[in-house]
Amino acid sequence: MTFRNADLPGFTVGMVKCSRCNEIVRDSKEVVTPDGEVLCKNCANGSYYYKV
C-alpha cells in the first residue's frame, strides 16, 4: 500500500484556514474551488447539521 505523508499517523503535515468559516483544516483535507478559494469539506459539500 502507498500512503501520502498527510495520511500517516503523527504530527500535522499542514494546516490551512477555511475562507468561509475559519475552521482549521489539517493534512491536505481542504477543498480548493476552481477560483482558488480554500474551503473545509462542510462549506464545500454541505453538512449534516444546520443552524437552529
PDB file of N, CA and C in Angstrom:
ATOM      1  N   MET A   1       0.829  -1.177   0.000  1.00  0.00           N
ATOM      2  CA  MET A   1       0.000   0.000   0.000  1.00  0.00           C
ATOM      3  C   MET A   1       0.874   1.241   0.000  1.00  0.00           C
ATOM      4  N   THR A   2       0.362   2.270  -0.627  1.00  0.00           N
ATOM      5  CA  THR A   2       1.057   3.548  -0.664  1.00  0.00           C
ATOM      6  C   THR A   2       0.205   4.587   0.052  1.00  0.00           C
ATOM      7  N   PHE A   3       0.835   5.336   0.948  1.00  0.00           N
ATOM      8  CA  PHE A   3       0.137   6.371   1.689  1.00  0.00           C
ATOM      9  C   PHE A   3       0.810   7.713   1.446  1.00  0.00           C
ATOM     10  N   ARG A   4       0.011   8.769   1.474  1.00  0.00           N
ATOM     11  CA  ARG A   4       0.574  10.117   1.439  1.00  0.00           C
ATOM     12  C   ARG A   4       1.093  10.438   2.836  1.00  0.00           C
ATOM     13  N   ASN A   5       2.066  11.326   2.939  1.00  0.00           N
ATOM     14  CA  ASN A   5       2.585  11.725   4.244  1.00  0.00           C
ATOM     15  C   ASN A   5       1.478  12.277   5.131  1.00  0.00           C
ATOM     16  N   ALA A   6       0.506  12.961   4.545  1.00  0.00           N
ATOM     17  CA  ALA A   6      -0.596  13.548   5.317  1.00  0.00           C
ATOM     18  C   ALA A   6      -1.492  12.478   5.934  1.00  0.00           C
ATOM     19  N   ASP A   7      -1.476  11.261   5.400  1.00  0.00           N
ATOM     20  CA  ASP A   7      -2.330  10.186   5.902  1.00  0.00           C
ATOM     21  C   ASP A   7      -1.657   9.322   6.971  1.00  0.00           C
ATOM     22  N   LEU A   8      -0.388   9.517   7.193  1.00  0.00           N
ATOM     23  CA  LEU A   8       0.329   8.731   8.186  1.00  0.00           C
ATOM     24  C   LEU A   8       0.078   9.278   9.587  1.00  0.00           C
ATOM     25  N   PRO A   9       0.134   8.434  10.602  1.00  0.00           N
ATOM     26  CA  PRO A   9      -0.027   8.939  11.971  1.00  0.00           C
ATOM     27  C   PRO A   9       1.138   9.841  12.350  1.00  0.00           C
ATOM     28  N   GLY A  10       0.862  10.727  13.278  1.00  0.00           N
ATOM     29  CA  GLY A  10       1.925  11.604  13.750  1.00  0.00           C
ATOM     30  C   GLY A  10       1.520  13.057  13.699  1.00  0.00           C
ATOM     31  N   PHE A  11       2.509  13.912  13.613  1.00  0.00           N
ATOM     32  CA  PHE A  11       2.273  15.342  13.633  1.00  0.00           C
ATOM     33  C   PHE A  11       1.547  15.804  12.376  1.00  0.00           C
ATOM     34  N   THR A  12       0.855  16.923  12.487  1.00  0.00           N
ATOM     35  CA  THR A  12       0.158  17.534  11.360  1.00  0.00           C
ATOM     36  C   THR A  12       1.169  17.974  10.310  1.00  0.00           C
ATOM     37  N   VAL A  13       0.903  17.604   9.070  1.00  0.00           N
ATOM     38  CA  VAL A  13       1.803  17.962   7.971  1.00  0.00           C
ATOM     39  C   VAL A  13       1.553  19.398   7.519  1.00  0.00           C
ATOM     40  N   GLY A  14       0.292  19.806   7.470  1.00  0.00           N
ATOM     41  CA  GLY A  14      -0.021  21.164   7.041  1.00  0.00           C
ATOM     42  C   GLY A  14      -1.368  21.612   7.568  1.00  0.00           C
ATOM     43  N   MET A  15      -1.541  22.919   7.685  1.00  0.00           N
ATOM     44  CA  MET A  15      -2.802  23.480   8.156  1.00  0.00           C
ATOM     45  C   MET A  15      -3.159  24.685   7.293  1.00  0.00           C
ATOM     46  N   VAL A  16      -4.437  24.789   6.939  1.00  0.00           N
ATOM     47  CA  VAL A  16      -4.963  25.971   6.259  1.00  0.00           C
ATOM     48  C   VAL A  16      -6.277  26.339   6.943  1.00  0.00           C
ATOM     49  N   LYS A  17      -6.731  27.550   6.719  1.00  0.00           N
ATOM     50  CA  LYS A  17      -7.972  28.017   7.312  1.00  0.00           C
ATOM     51  C   LYS A  17      -9.029  28.147   6.219  1.00  0.00           C
ATOM     52  N   CYS A  18     -10.225  27.647   6.496  1.00  0.00           N
ATOM     53  CA  CYS A  18     -11.347  27.775   5.570  1.00  0.00           C
ATOM     54  C   CYS A  18     -11.660  29.255   5.388  1.00  0.00           C
ATOM     55  N   SER A  19     -11.834  29.679   4.143  1.00  0.00           N
ATOM     56  CA  SER A  19     -12.070  31.092   3.880  1.00  0.00           C
ATOM     57  C   SER A  19     -13.491  31.530   4.210  1.00  0.00           C
ATOM     58  N   ARG A  20     -14.397  30.597   4.452  1.00  0.00           N
ATOM     59  CA  ARG A  20     -15.777  30.964   4.813  1.00  0.00           C
ATOM     60  C   ARG A  20     -16.031  30.926   6.313  1.00  0.00           C
ATOM     61  N   CYS A  21     -15.638  29.852   6.980  1.00  0.00           N
ATOM     62  CA  CYS A  21     -15.992  29.691   8.402  1.00  0.00           C
ATOM     63  C   CYS A  21     -14.790  29.766   9.336  1.00  0.00           C
ATOM     64  N   ASN A  22     -13.591  29.887   8.791  1.00  0.00           N
ATOM     65  CA  ASN A  22     -12.341  29.987   9.566  1.00  0.00           C
ATOM     66  C   ASN A  22     -11.967  28.724  10.324  1.00  0.00           C
ATOM     67  N   GLU A  23     -12.572  27.603   9.981  1.00  0.00           N
ATOM     68  CA  GLU A  23     -12.179  26.331  10.599  1.00  0.00           C
ATOM     69  C   GLU A  23     -10.784  25.949  10.106  1.00  0.00           C
ATOM     70  N   ILE A  24      -9.961  25.416  10.994  1.00  0.00           N
ATOM     71  CA  ILE A  24      -8.630  24.938  10.613  1.00  0.00           C
ATOM     72  C   ILE A  24      -8.779  23.562   9.971  1.00  0.00           C
ATOM     73  N   VAL A  25      -8.213  23.408   8.774  1.00  0.00           N
ATOM     74  CA  VAL A  25      -8.255  22.140   8.039  1.00  0.00           C
ATOM     75  C   VAL A  25      -6.841  21.599   8.010  1.00  0.00           C
ATOM     76  N   ARG A  26      -6.658  20.381   8.473  1.00  0.00           N
ATOM     77  CA  ARG A  26      -5.325  19.794   8.615  1.00  0.00           C
ATOM     78  C   ARG A  26      -5.058  18.718   7.562  1.00  0.00           C
ATOM     79  N   ASP A  27      -3.792  18.531   7.285  1.00  0.00           N
ATOM     80  CA  ASP A  27      -3.302  17.400   6.485  1.00  0.00           C
ATOM     81  C   ASP A  27      -3.919  17.284   5.098  1.00  0.00           C
ATOM     82  N   SER A  28      -3.971  18.383   4.380  1.00  0.00           N
ATOM     83  CA  SER A  28      -4.398  18.406   2.969  1.00  0.00           C
ATOM     84  C   SER A  28      -5.812  17.900   2.759  1.00  0.00           C
ATOM     85  N   LYS A  29      -6.692  18.124   3.706  1.00  0.00           N
ATOM     86  CA  LYS A  29      -8.076  17.685   3.575  1.00  0.00           C
ATOM     87  C   LYS A  29      -8.990  18.824   3.098  1.00  0.00           C
ATOM     88  N   GLU A  30      -8.408  19.951   2.711  1.00  0.00           N
ATOM     89  CA  GLU A  30      -9.193  21.072   2.238  1.00  0.00           C
ATOM     90  C   GLU A  30      -9.698  20.839   0.817  1.00  0.00           C
ATOM     91  N   VAL A  31     -10.685  21.624   0.429  1.00  0.00           N
ATOM     92  CA  VAL A  31     -11.221  21.604  -0.928  1.00  0.00           C
ATOM     93  C   VAL A  31     -10.900  22.962  -1.537  1.00  0.00           C
ATOM     94  N   VAL A  32     -10.260  22.965  -2.698  1.00  0.00           N
ATOM     95  CA  VAL A  32      -9.924  24.214  -3.378  1.00  0.00           C
ATOM     96  C   VAL A  32     -10.861  24.356  -4.571  1.00  0.00           C
ATOM     97  N   THR A  33     -11.607  25.458  -4.604  1.00  0.00           N
ATOM     98  CA  THR A  33     -12.555  25.701  -5.689  1.00  0.00           C
ATOM     99  C   THR A  33     -11.799  26.119  -6.948  1.00  0.00           C
ATOM    100  N   PRO A  34     -12.455  26.078  -8.100  1.00  0.00           N
ATOM    101  CA  PRO A  34     -11.788  26.495  -9.344  1.00  0.00           C
ATOM    102  C   PRO A  34     -11.250  27.927  -9.305  1.00  0.00           C
ATOM    103  N   ASP A  35     -11.874  28.808  -8.515  1.00  0.00           N
ATOM    104  CA  ASP A  35     -11.378  30.184  -8.420  1.00  0.00           C
ATOM    105  C   ASP A  35     -10.339  30.366  -7.322  1.00  0.00           C
ATOM    106  N   GLY A  36      -9.888  29.240  -6.707  1.00  0.00           N
ATOM    107  CA  GLY A  36      -8.800  29.282  -5.744  1.00  0.00           C
ATOM    108  C   GLY A  36      -9.213  29.448  -4.295  1.00  0.00           C
ATOM    109  N   GLU A  37     -10.508  29.442  -4.015  1.00  0.00           N
ATOM    110  CA  GLU A  37     -10.983  29.577  -2.640  1.00  0.00           C
ATOM    111  C   GLU A  37     -10.720  28.280  -1.875  1.00  0.00           C
ATOM    112  N   VAL A  38     -10.178  28.378  -0.657  1.00  0.00           N
ATOM    113  CA  VAL A  38      -9.879  27.216   0.179  1.00  0.00           C
ATOM    114  C   VAL A  38     -11.034  27.026   1.159  1.00  0.00           C
ATOM    115  N   LEU A  39     -11.658  25.839   1.120  1.00  0.00           N
ATOM    116  CA  LEU A  39     -12.814  25.563   1.958  1.00  0.00           C
ATOM    117  C   LEU A  39     -12.635  24.269   2.732  1.00  0.00           C
ATOM    118  N   CYS A  40     -13.299  24.186   3.899  1.00  0.00           N
ATOM    119  CA  CYS A  40     -13.390  22.915   4.601  1.00  0.00           C
ATOM    120  C   CYS A  40     -14.439  22.066   3.876  1.00  0.00           C
ATOM    121  N   LYS A  41     -14.495  20.797   4.168  1.00  0.00           N
ATOM    122  CA  LYS A  41     -15.435  19.918   3.470  1.00  0.00           C
ATOM    123  C   LYS A  41     -16.890  20.295   3.752  1.00  0.00           C
ATOM    124  N   ASN A  42     -17.188  20.779   4.960  1.00  0.00           N
ATOM    125  CA  ASN A  42     -18.559  21.178   5.268  1.00  0.00           C
ATOM    126  C   ASN A  42     -19.001  22.363   4.429  1.00  0.00           C
ATOM    127  N   CYS A  43     -18.159  23.365   4.272  1.00  0.00           N
ATOM    128  CA  CYS A  43     -18.517  24.530   3.461  1.00  0.00           C
ATOM    129  C   CYS A  43     -18.582  24.170   1.977  1.00  0.00           C
ATOM    130  N   ALA A  44     -17.730  23.278   1.536  1.00  0.00           N
ATOM    131  CA  ALA A  44     -17.688  22.921   0.116  1.00  0.00           C
ATOM    132  C   ALA A  44     -18.831  21.995  -0.290  1.00  0.00           C
ATOM    133  N   ASN A  45     -19.174  21.035   0.571  1.00  0.00           N
ATOM    134  CA  ASN A  45     -20.118  19.990   0.177  1.00  0.00           C
ATOM    135  C   ASN A  45     -21.409  19.986   0.976  1.00  0.00           C
ATOM    136  N   GLY A  46     -21.577  20.908   1.884  1.00  0.00           N
ATOM    137  CA  GLY A  46     -22.748  20.892   2.749  1.00  0.00           C
ATOM    138  C   GLY A  46     -22.458  20.051   3.979  1.00  0.00           C
ATOM    139  N   SER A  47     -23.366  20.112   4.921  1.00  0.00           N
ATOM    140  CA  SER A  47     -23.148  19.434   6.185  1.00  0.00           C
ATOM    141  C   SER A  47     -24.412  18.718   6.619  1.00  0.00           C
ATOM    142  N   TYR A  48     -24.274  17.805   7.534  1.00  0.00           N
ATOM    143  CA  TYR A  48     -25.427  17.066   8.021  1.00  0.00           C
ATOM    144  C   TYR A  48     -26.152  17.834   9.115  1.00  0.00           C
ATOM    145  N   TYR A  49     -25.569  18.902   9.624  1.00  0.00           N
ATOM    146  CA  TYR A  49     -26.228  19.685  10.662  1.00  0.00           C
ATOM    147  C   TYR A  49     -26.643  21.031  10.096  1.00  0.00           C
ATOM    148  N   TYR A  50     -27.521  21.714  10.815  1.00  0.00           N
ATOM    149  CA  TYR A  50     -27.990  23.010  10.365  1.00  0.00           C
ATOM    150  C   TYR A  50     -28.155  23.942  11.556  1.00  0.00           C
ATOM    151  N   LYS A  51     -28.169  25.230  11.255  1.00  0.00           N
ATOM    152  CA  LYS A  51     -28.281  26.238  12.297  1.00  0.00           C
ATOM    153  C   LYS A  51     -29.715  26.284  12.810  1.00  0.00           C
ATOM    154  N   VAL A  52     -29.889  26.281  14.140  1.00  0.00           N
ATOM    155  CA  VAL A  52     -31.228  26.295  14.744  1.00  0.00           C
ATOM    156  C   VAL A  52     -31.626  27.714  15.066  1.00  0.00           C
TER     157      VAL A  52
END
